[in-house]
Structures are given as C-alpha cells and as structure tokens.
Amino acid sequence: MPTDLAHEQRILIVRLSALGDVVHVLPLLDVLRRARPDAHIGWLVEERAASLLEGHPQIDRLWIAPRREVSGLWRERRYAKAVSRLRETVRALRDARYEVTIDAQCNFRSSSWARISGAPRRIGFAPPYTKEKGHWLSTERVHAPVGGQLKVHRNLELLKAQGIDTGDARAVLPLPESARVSARALRQSIAAPRAIALHPGVSGHGAIKQWPLPRFAALARRLRDDVDARCLVTWGPEERALAEEVVAASEGAAELAPATGSLLELGALYEECDVVVGGDTGPLHLAAALGVPVVGLYGPKDPAIYGPWNGRTGTVSTIVWKQVHCSPCRLRRCGNVICMPAIQVDDVVAAVRRTLDDSAPRTDRSPRQVGLRA
C-alpha cells in the first residue's frame, strides 16, 4: 500500500460540514499545500460552510456538494431536477480525475463522496473515529490516538501517516480587505475602550449547547459595568431573532452586529474585537483560529477534544465547563439539560477578565496566519 503523497498530482480534501469542523481542517490544508506546492488540491464542502473557503489561496478548486439544493428540490417533488443536479456534480467531480482523497469527516456521506469521485486512493480514519461504517469505503485507514486530542491535531494524523511533517500548521483565512475596512469603521464607532462579541446562537443540531439567552444579556450588562466594554451580538442565518432578544434585554449594554454576507466577513468583524464569547459553535471556532481571544461555554462536549483551537498557541482557548455528573456526553437532544445552565454569569465574567489580562494589546490587525506546534 502507498505510504505517502509524494507522487499524486491531484488531491481532494473531503470535509462537508459543519463550520467548526471545516475550520479544524484548515491546518491540514496548510500543511498539505506547503508539502505539495506543485499539486492540484481540491476541497469538497457543502453549501453552509462554502463561503469560508471561497477564493482560498491554498485551494485550486472548491467543489460544492449540493445537499441543501437537492434536498429542497426533493421536498418540492421535483425529483427529476434533483437527480439531474446530483448527476451533474458527480460527473464533473469524476471528470476532474482525482488520484487520492483525504476524508477528514469519515461518515457515510463524506466517504460516499470520496468513493464517487473515482479516486483510487481514499484515505480516512479507522474506528473509533468514523460514523455509519464510513471507513468501509476507504482504501487506507489511519489509526489516530484514542483520548483527549484536539480535533485539529487528530486531522493532522491523516498527513502524519503519510510521512508529512505537521509541526508548523497554520489556519490560513484570507479575509477580504473590504470586510476588514468595514469592521475597522464599526470598531471606531464604538465609544468604549473594549469591544466584546457575544454569539448566542448554535446550530440546529446542537440546541443543547446553547447558554440561556437571558444570561447573555446579563453578561453584556456586567461587562459594561465591570470592564468598560461594549458588546456586539453577532448572528448568522436564522439567528437574528435570538440576537435581537439579547440586545433588547441588555438595557443598552449591547448592540446588534451588522449582517455579514459571508463567514470571512464575520471573521473580519471578530478580528476587531477584544474577546469573543459563545458556545461550542462554528463562529467561536472561526474566531479562535484567527487568533482572536475567545471564551467558549461548554456543557455536553469535552473541550479537550472539541474545544476552540487557539490559532496563536495551538492549544485549547479559554473555556468555561462545569463538568456536571453527566458530561461529557454524545447526546444531541436531552430532556433535562443541566450542563449549560450550570454556567453562571459570574463564571463567564471571570473568564473574560482572565482572557483580557492574558491577551497582548491588539495592535496588529493584519490577517492572522499563525502557527501551530503539533
């Protein structure tokens, strides 16, 4: 069996979703690009996280797996159109003639796409880091260490197994200059020494990871009074109502962040903030990968594995985790969520204070492409 990637000229990364998980594969992309500067590297991703990768300088071709589009057509009973759209994507992907896929997701959906691509080599994880028997469709299965290993580090095991040095991995995020200009103007309009972003939303599949909205509002009031900060409440698709609820209850301590047209625009906004506070969700991981100080609020998931990877240090960023008797767990639904309500406003204020004290003055606002020692 091949044991390296020295000869393949066409390589496809498969990480379809979700936003935080896509962020955690960016260091793998960086290492691969620097190890194989001559290779054609593609990335297959689903629609929701695609804007994070659009125009990425380390990707030769971005492929969009049209899951939402096809599902929508199917719900509308436009079956022929749905099948036609799927066939179109499959045909184009196979015509690209990739020689090897690197499946950093390893569930049945991602492994099926890797197989459909027609690549003769398909690298993925061995159990226990697979779902739905996706490893059956891989030709090479990498045994990552079992235990508390950050997901960024686990992903890099896919390249270590190929003999590639991963010791200086970075997350390259090419923030548009226009977005950075707008974000700077917003920061200058805030009449407070500190700007702190609060992101109260979580994904639809991660509702049990949401901290109660009234506590975000109380946190904004405390941060105004205790650290002289103005809070910006950020939001994504279908989250505006949550953000507005927090702002309305903050008694003027918070304001609604402007709409962002892409994930990179959101990243530019976060770069102008002194701290970002949120649950275990994609925007928090995006901010952390940029090197922005974050405070992650954790309940059901183990932060030693799922914690926000700090783009400056390569370690877990500041987190608040109460470790109640039933956490960590793997549940997506829970009839008695006690882990997130266990986090008190005082806990988060203390964590923000520590983070502010530990953070160097934010004078360099250039796009961060920072190192990781694996």
Protein backbone atom coordinates (compact mmCIF):
# COMPACT_ATOMS: atom_id res chain seq x y z
CA MET A 1 0.00 0.00 0.00
CA PRO A 2 1.25 3.56 -0.67
CA THR A 3 2.54 5.33 2.44
CA ASP A 4 3.00 8.91 1.22
CA LEU A 5 1.59 11.56 -1.06
CA ALA A 6 4.79 12.30 -2.96
CA HIS A 7 3.56 11.26 -6.39
CA GLU A 8 -0.13 12.10 -6.68
CA GLN A 9 -0.73 15.35 -8.53
CA ARG A 10 -4.47 15.65 -7.91
CA ILE A 11 -5.64 15.57 -4.29
CA LEU A 12 -9.17 16.11 -2.97
CA ILE A 13 -9.95 17.02 0.65
CA VAL A 14 -13.42 15.96 1.76
CA ARG A 15 -14.90 17.81 4.72
CA LEU A 16 -18.52 18.62 4.01
CA SER A 17 -19.69 20.24 7.24
CA ALA A 18 -20.11 21.81 9.75
CA LEU A 19 -18.47 25.23 10.04
CA GLY A 20 -16.40 24.48 13.14
CA ASP A 21 -15.25 21.16 11.71
CA VAL A 22 -14.29 22.81 8.42
CA VAL A 23 -12.21 25.34 10.38
CA HIS A 24 -10.46 22.44 12.10
CA VAL A 25 -9.29 21.09 8.73
CA LEU A 26 -7.66 24.34 7.62
CA PRO A 27 -4.32 23.47 9.29
CA LEU A 28 -4.33 20.17 7.37
CA LEU A 29 -4.83 22.10 4.14
CA ASP A 30 -1.95 24.41 5.03
CA VAL A 31 0.46 21.55 5.74
CA LEU A 32 -0.57 19.71 2.57
CA ARG A 33 -0.17 22.80 0.38
CA ARG A 34 3.31 23.54 1.71
CA ALA A 35 4.33 19.88 1.41
CA ARG A 36 3.00 19.67 -2.17
CA PRO A 37 3.15 23.17 -3.70
CA ASP A 38 3.01 21.66 -7.19
CA ALA A 39 -0.13 19.57 -6.66
CA HIS A 40 -3.69 20.41 -7.64
CA ILE A 41 -5.69 20.48 -4.39
CA GLY A 42 -9.47 20.49 -4.35
CA TRP A 43 -11.90 20.62 -1.43
CA LEU A 44 -15.43 19.23 -1.41
CA VAL A 45 -17.75 21.05 1.02
CA GLU A 46 -21.49 21.54 1.43
CA GLU A 47 -23.23 24.87 0.93
CA ARG A 48 -23.42 26.13 4.52
CA ALA A 49 -19.65 26.34 5.07
CA ALA A 50 -18.65 27.11 1.48
CA SER A 51 -18.22 30.86 1.95
CA LEU A 52 -15.36 30.19 4.38
CA LEU A 53 -13.34 28.61 1.56
CA GLU A 54 -14.29 30.73 -1.43
CA GLY A 55 -11.22 32.30 -3.02
CA HIS A 56 -8.89 30.47 -0.66
CA PRO A 57 -5.30 30.80 -1.94
CA GLN A 58 -4.38 27.23 -1.00
CA ILE A 59 -7.28 25.61 -2.87
CA ASP A 60 -7.13 25.15 -6.63
CA ARG A 61 -10.80 24.21 -6.95
CA LEU A 62 -13.64 24.41 -4.49
CA TRP A 63 -16.38 21.84 -5.06
CA ILE A 64 -19.85 22.33 -3.62
CA ALA A 65 -21.82 19.21 -2.72
CA PRO A 66 -25.38 20.48 -3.31
CA ARG A 67 -27.03 18.83 -0.33
CA ARG A 68 -29.43 21.65 0.55
CA GLU A 69 -30.31 22.31 -3.08
CA VAL A 70 -31.04 18.67 -3.86
CA SER A 71 -32.97 18.20 -0.60
CA GLY A 72 -35.08 21.26 -1.39
CA LEU A 73 -35.87 20.01 -4.87
CA TRP A 74 -36.79 16.62 -3.46
CA ARG A 75 -39.16 18.16 -0.90
CA GLU A 76 -40.80 20.07 -3.74
CA ARG A 77 -41.23 16.73 -5.55
CA ARG A 78 -39.05 17.94 -8.39
CA TYR A 79 -37.39 14.55 -8.45
CA ALA A 80 -36.02 14.67 -11.99
CA LYS A 81 -34.38 18.05 -11.34
CA ALA A 82 -32.88 16.80 -8.06
CA VAL A 83 -31.40 13.72 -9.71
CA SER A 84 -30.14 15.80 -12.64
CA ARG A 85 -28.41 18.28 -10.33
CA LEU A 86 -26.74 15.50 -8.38
CA ARG A 87 -25.61 13.74 -11.54
CA GLU A 88 -24.15 16.98 -12.84
CA THR A 89 -21.97 17.37 -9.75
CA VAL A 90 -20.91 13.72 -9.78
CA ARG A 91 -19.99 13.86 -13.45
CA ALA A 92 -17.88 16.99 -13.05
CA LEU A 93 -16.13 15.60 -9.98
CA ARG A 94 -15.25 12.34 -11.71
CA ASP A 95 -14.04 14.22 -14.78
CA ALA A 96 -11.52 16.01 -12.55
CA ARG A 97 -9.75 12.65 -12.11
CA TYR A 98 -8.51 12.99 -8.57
CA GLU A 99 -5.91 10.41 -7.63
CA VAL A 100 -6.38 10.49 -3.84
CA THR A 101 -8.97 11.77 -1.39
CA ILE A 102 -8.37 12.77 2.23
CA ASP A 103 -11.63 12.29 4.11
CA ALA A 104 -11.47 14.27 7.35
CA GLN A 105 -15.12 13.59 8.17
CA CYS A 106 -15.44 9.84 7.70
CA ASN A 107 -19.14 9.33 7.91
CA PHE A 108 -21.15 7.50 5.28
CA ARG A 109 -21.98 10.70 3.38
CA SER A 110 -18.42 12.00 3.11
CA SER A 111 -16.92 8.59 2.41
CA SER A 112 -19.52 8.03 -0.31
CA TRP A 113 -18.47 11.27 -2.00
CA ALA A 114 -14.83 10.19 -1.77
CA ARG A 115 -15.75 6.89 -3.45
CA ILE A 116 -17.92 8.61 -6.06
CA SER A 117 -15.01 10.88 -7.03
CA GLY A 118 -13.35 7.87 -8.61
CA ALA A 119 -10.05 8.38 -6.77
CA PRO A 120 -8.22 5.04 -6.46
CA ARG A 121 -6.69 6.05 -3.11
CA ARG A 122 -9.06 7.08 -0.35
CA ILE A 123 -7.50 7.98 2.99
CA GLY A 124 -9.70 8.18 6.09
CA PHE A 125 -9.82 7.33 9.76
CA ALA A 126 -10.10 3.90 11.28
CA PRO A 127 -12.61 3.30 14.09
CA PRO A 128 -13.46 4.75 16.55
CA TYR A 129 -13.24 7.99 14.55
CA THR A 130 -15.77 7.02 11.90
CA LYS A 131 -19.54 7.05 11.74
CA GLU A 132 -22.05 4.89 9.92
CA LYS A 133 -19.29 2.46 8.84
CA GLY A 134 -17.83 5.11 6.53
CA HIS A 135 -14.36 3.55 6.84
CA TRP A 136 -15.54 0.63 4.72
CA LEU A 137 -15.27 2.91 1.70
CA SER A 138 -11.68 3.97 2.46
CA THR A 139 -8.70 2.18 0.98
CA GLU A 140 -6.34 3.41 3.73
CA ARG A 141 -7.42 3.80 7.35
CA VAL A 142 -5.38 5.89 9.76
CA HIS A 143 -5.38 4.92 13.44
CA ALA A 144 -5.39 8.19 15.39
CA PRO A 145 -4.58 8.18 19.11
CA VAL A 146 -7.60 7.46 21.27
CA GLY A 147 -8.18 10.01 24.00
CA GLY A 148 -8.29 13.74 24.62
CA GLN A 149 -6.80 15.02 21.38
CA LEU A 150 -8.00 18.28 19.82
CA LYS A 151 -9.76 17.72 16.52
CA VAL A 152 -7.17 19.85 14.70
CA HIS A 153 -4.43 17.52 15.92
CA ARG A 154 -6.48 14.46 15.05
CA ASN A 155 -6.98 15.68 11.50
CA LEU A 156 -3.24 16.16 11.13
CA GLU A 157 -2.79 12.46 11.87
CA LEU A 158 -4.08 11.83 8.33
CA LEU A 159 -0.95 13.54 7.00
CA LYS A 160 1.45 12.23 9.63
CA ALA A 161 0.56 8.73 8.44
CA GLN A 162 1.83 9.79 5.01
CA GLY A 163 5.20 10.84 6.43
CA ILE A 164 4.44 14.58 6.26
CA ASP A 165 5.78 16.87 8.98
CA THR A 166 2.85 18.71 10.58
CA GLY A 167 4.86 20.68 13.12
CA ASP A 168 4.11 24.17 11.79
CA ALA A 169 0.49 24.01 10.70
CA ARG A 170 -1.49 27.22 10.37
CA ALA A 171 -5.04 28.21 9.61
CA VAL A 172 -4.93 30.49 6.59
CA LEU A 173 -8.05 32.64 6.40
CA PRO A 174 -7.85 35.27 3.66
CA LEU A 175 -10.16 37.95 4.98
CA PRO A 176 -11.29 40.39 2.25
CA GLU A 177 -9.79 43.84 2.65
CA SER A 178 -13.18 45.43 2.08
CA ALA A 179 -14.58 43.47 5.03
CA ARG A 180 -11.68 44.50 7.22
CA VAL A 181 -12.17 48.15 6.34
CA SER A 182 -15.85 47.93 7.28
CA ALA A 183 -15.02 46.13 10.52
CA ARG A 184 -12.46 48.79 11.48
CA ALA A 185 -15.01 51.53 10.84
CA LEU A 186 -17.52 49.73 13.07
CA ARG A 187 -14.95 49.39 15.85
CA GLN A 188 -14.09 53.07 15.66
CA SER A 189 -17.76 53.94 16.04
CA ILE A 190 -17.96 52.12 19.38
CA ALA A 191 -17.43 54.60 22.19
CA ALA A 192 -15.91 52.14 24.64
CA PRO A 193 -12.35 51.02 25.40
CA ARG A 194 -13.22 47.40 24.70
CA ALA A 195 -15.43 45.64 22.18
CA ILE A 196 -16.60 42.14 23.06
CA ALA A 197 -18.60 39.96 20.68
CA LEU A 198 -21.31 37.68 22.03
CA HIS A 199 -22.64 34.89 19.81
CA PRO A 200 -25.72 33.35 21.46
CA GLY A 201 -26.76 31.09 18.57
CA VAL A 202 -25.88 27.46 17.99
CA SER A 203 -26.60 25.12 15.12
CA GLY A 204 -29.98 23.47 14.80
CA HIS A 205 -28.41 20.11 15.62
CA GLY A 206 -26.70 21.49 18.72
CA ALA A 207 -29.55 23.09 20.63
CA ILE A 208 -28.44 21.52 23.92
CA LYS A 209 -25.19 23.52 23.64
CA GLN A 210 -26.97 26.88 23.93
CA TRP A 211 -26.45 29.04 27.00
CA PRO A 212 -29.70 30.68 28.19
CA LEU A 213 -30.34 33.94 26.32
CA PRO A 214 -31.15 35.99 29.45
CA ARG A 215 -27.67 35.21 30.73
CA PHE A 216 -26.07 36.61 27.58
CA ALA A 217 -28.00 39.82 28.25
CA ALA A 218 -26.90 39.83 31.88
CA LEU A 219 -23.34 39.18 30.76
CA ALA A 220 -23.45 42.24 28.49
CA ARG A 221 -24.57 44.39 31.41
CA ARG A 222 -21.81 43.05 33.65
CA LEU A 223 -19.13 43.53 31.03
CA ARG A 224 -20.27 47.12 30.53
CA ASP A 225 -20.05 47.81 34.25
CA ASP A 226 -17.02 45.69 35.19
CA VAL A 227 -14.59 46.01 32.24
CA ASP A 228 -15.97 49.08 30.42
CA ALA A 229 -16.89 47.09 27.33
CA ARG A 230 -19.50 47.47 24.62
CA CYS A 231 -20.93 44.17 23.41
CA LEU A 232 -21.74 43.32 19.82
CA VAL A 233 -24.21 40.47 19.40
CA THR A 234 -23.38 38.54 16.25
CA TRP A 235 -25.73 36.28 14.39
CA GLY A 236 -25.95 34.01 11.39
CA PRO A 237 -28.73 32.75 9.17
CA GLU A 238 -31.97 32.25 11.13
CA GLU A 239 -30.37 33.64 14.32
CA ARG A 240 -31.30 37.32 14.12
CA ALA A 241 -34.29 36.93 16.44
CA LEU A 242 -32.07 35.38 19.13
CA ALA A 243 -29.58 38.22 18.82
CA GLU A 244 -32.31 40.85 18.98
CA GLU A 245 -33.72 39.24 22.12
CA VAL A 246 -30.33 39.51 23.82
CA VAL A 247 -29.91 43.14 22.75
CA ALA A 248 -33.41 44.08 23.94
CA ALA A 249 -32.78 42.58 27.37
CA SER A 250 -29.30 44.09 27.77
CA GLU A 251 -30.58 47.51 28.88
CA GLY A 252 -28.40 49.27 26.32
CA ALA A 253 -25.21 47.33 27.10
CA ALA A 254 -25.21 45.52 23.76
CA GLU A 255 -25.98 46.33 20.16
CA LEU A 256 -26.87 44.17 17.20
CA ALA A 257 -23.91 43.42 14.96
CA PRO A 258 -24.43 44.16 11.27
CA ALA A 259 -25.35 41.39 8.89
CA THR A 260 -22.35 39.66 7.35
CA GLY A 261 -22.53 38.38 3.80
CA SER A 262 -20.04 35.57 4.33
CA LEU A 263 -18.15 33.75 7.04
CA LEU A 264 -14.99 35.64 6.12
CA GLU A 265 -16.82 38.93 6.73
CA LEU A 266 -17.79 37.61 10.15
CA GLY A 267 -14.14 36.74 10.75
CA ALA A 268 -13.12 40.31 9.89
CA LEU A 269 -15.61 41.63 12.44
CA TYR A 270 -14.22 39.29 15.10
CA GLU A 271 -10.68 40.47 14.43
CA GLU A 272 -11.71 43.91 15.66
CA CYS A 273 -12.99 42.52 18.96
CA ASP A 274 -11.01 42.08 22.14
CA VAL A 275 -12.82 38.85 23.09
CA VAL A 276 -15.48 36.63 21.52
CA VAL A 277 -17.83 34.71 23.83
CA GLY A 278 -20.05 31.89 22.63
CA GLY A 279 -21.00 28.26 22.89
CA ASP A 280 -19.44 25.34 21.04
CA THR A 281 -20.38 26.56 17.58
CA GLY A 282 -18.74 27.47 14.28
CA PRO A 283 -18.29 31.23 14.81
CA LEU A 284 -16.42 30.63 18.07
CA HIS A 285 -14.01 28.25 16.30
CA LEU A 286 -13.59 30.73 13.47
CA ALA A 287 -12.59 33.49 15.88
CA ALA A 288 -10.19 31.22 17.75
CA ALA A 289 -8.47 30.06 14.56
CA LEU A 290 -7.89 33.72 13.65
CA GLY A 291 -6.04 34.16 16.92
CA VAL A 292 -8.77 36.30 18.47
CA PRO A 293 -9.10 35.66 22.24
CA VAL A 294 -12.26 33.66 22.92
CA VAL A 295 -14.18 32.28 25.88
CA GLY A 296 -16.01 29.08 25.00
CA LEU A 297 -19.04 27.98 27.01
CA TYR A 298 -19.12 24.18 27.13
CA GLY A 299 -21.56 21.67 28.51
CA PRO A 300 -22.21 18.36 26.73
CA LYS A 301 -18.93 18.16 24.77
CA ASP A 302 -15.44 17.54 26.12
CA PRO A 303 -13.38 20.70 25.45
CA ALA A 304 -10.18 18.64 25.45
CA ILE A 305 -11.43 17.32 22.09
CA TYR A 306 -13.97 19.85 20.85
CA GLY A 307 -12.53 22.99 22.40
CA PRO A 308 -11.70 26.08 20.31
CA TRP A 309 -8.22 25.71 18.85
CA ASN A 310 -6.21 28.84 19.58
CA GLY A 311 -4.55 29.89 16.32
CA ARG A 312 -1.70 31.59 18.16
CA THR A 313 -0.73 28.84 20.57
CA GLY A 314 -2.11 25.64 19.05
CA THR A 315 -3.78 24.80 22.35
CA VAL A 316 -7.30 24.99 23.74
CA SER A 317 -8.56 28.54 24.20
CA THR A 318 -10.20 29.73 27.42
CA ILE A 319 -13.29 27.70 28.24
CA VAL A 320 -15.91 27.56 30.97
CA TRP A 321 -17.01 23.98 31.65
CA LYS A 322 -18.76 22.95 34.86
CA GLN A 323 -18.31 19.17 34.38
CA VAL A 324 -21.66 18.14 35.77
CA HIS A 325 -22.14 14.46 36.52
CA CYS A 326 -23.44 13.56 33.05
CA SER A 327 -20.95 15.41 30.91
CA PRO A 328 -19.28 14.93 28.58
CA CYS A 329 -21.94 13.15 26.58
CA ARG A 330 -22.78 12.48 22.94
CA LEU A 331 -26.42 13.43 23.05
CA ARG A 332 -27.95 15.80 20.53
CA ARG A 333 -31.20 16.01 22.45
CA CYS A 334 -31.73 15.96 26.18
CA GLY A 335 -34.90 16.21 28.22
CA ASN A 336 -33.08 17.66 31.22
CA VAL A 337 -30.24 19.93 30.16
CA ILE A 338 -28.31 20.86 33.30
CA CYS A 339 -24.80 21.38 31.92
CA MET A 340 -25.28 24.74 30.19
CA PRO A 341 -27.50 26.34 32.89
CA ALA A 342 -24.80 25.34 35.41
CA ILE A 343 -22.59 28.07 33.91
CA GLN A 344 -23.21 31.27 35.84
CA VAL A 345 -22.70 34.84 34.62
CA ASP A 346 -20.02 35.30 37.29
CA ASP A 347 -18.10 32.35 35.81
CA VAL A 348 -18.05 33.94 32.37
CA VAL A 349 -17.15 37.40 33.62
CA ALA A 350 -14.18 35.91 35.47
CA ALA A 351 -13.08 34.05 32.34
CA VAL A 352 -13.35 37.19 30.22
CA ARG A 353 -11.28 39.10 32.78
CA ARG A 354 -8.57 36.44 32.69
CA THR A 355 -8.60 36.44 28.92
CA LEU A 356 -8.26 40.21 28.74
CA ASP A 357 -5.41 40.12 31.24
CA ASP A 358 -3.60 37.38 29.31
CA SER A 359 -4.05 38.95 25.87
CA ALA A 360 -1.38 41.15 24.39
CA PRO A 361 -2.52 44.58 23.17
CA ARG A 362 -4.28 44.22 19.82
CA THR A 363 -2.21 46.50 17.59
CA ASP A 364 -1.58 44.27 14.57
CA ARG A 365 -4.84 43.98 12.63
CA SER A 366 -3.38 42.18 9.61
CA PRO A 367 -4.96 38.83 8.63
CA ARG A 368 -3.70 36.19 11.01
CA GLN A 369 -1.92 33.17 9.59
CA VAL A 370 -0.47 31.87 12.81
CA GLY A 371 1.47 28.76 13.69
CA LEU A 372 0.64 25.53 15.47
CA ARG A 373 3.19 23.23 17.03
CA ALA A 374 1.65 19.77 16.74
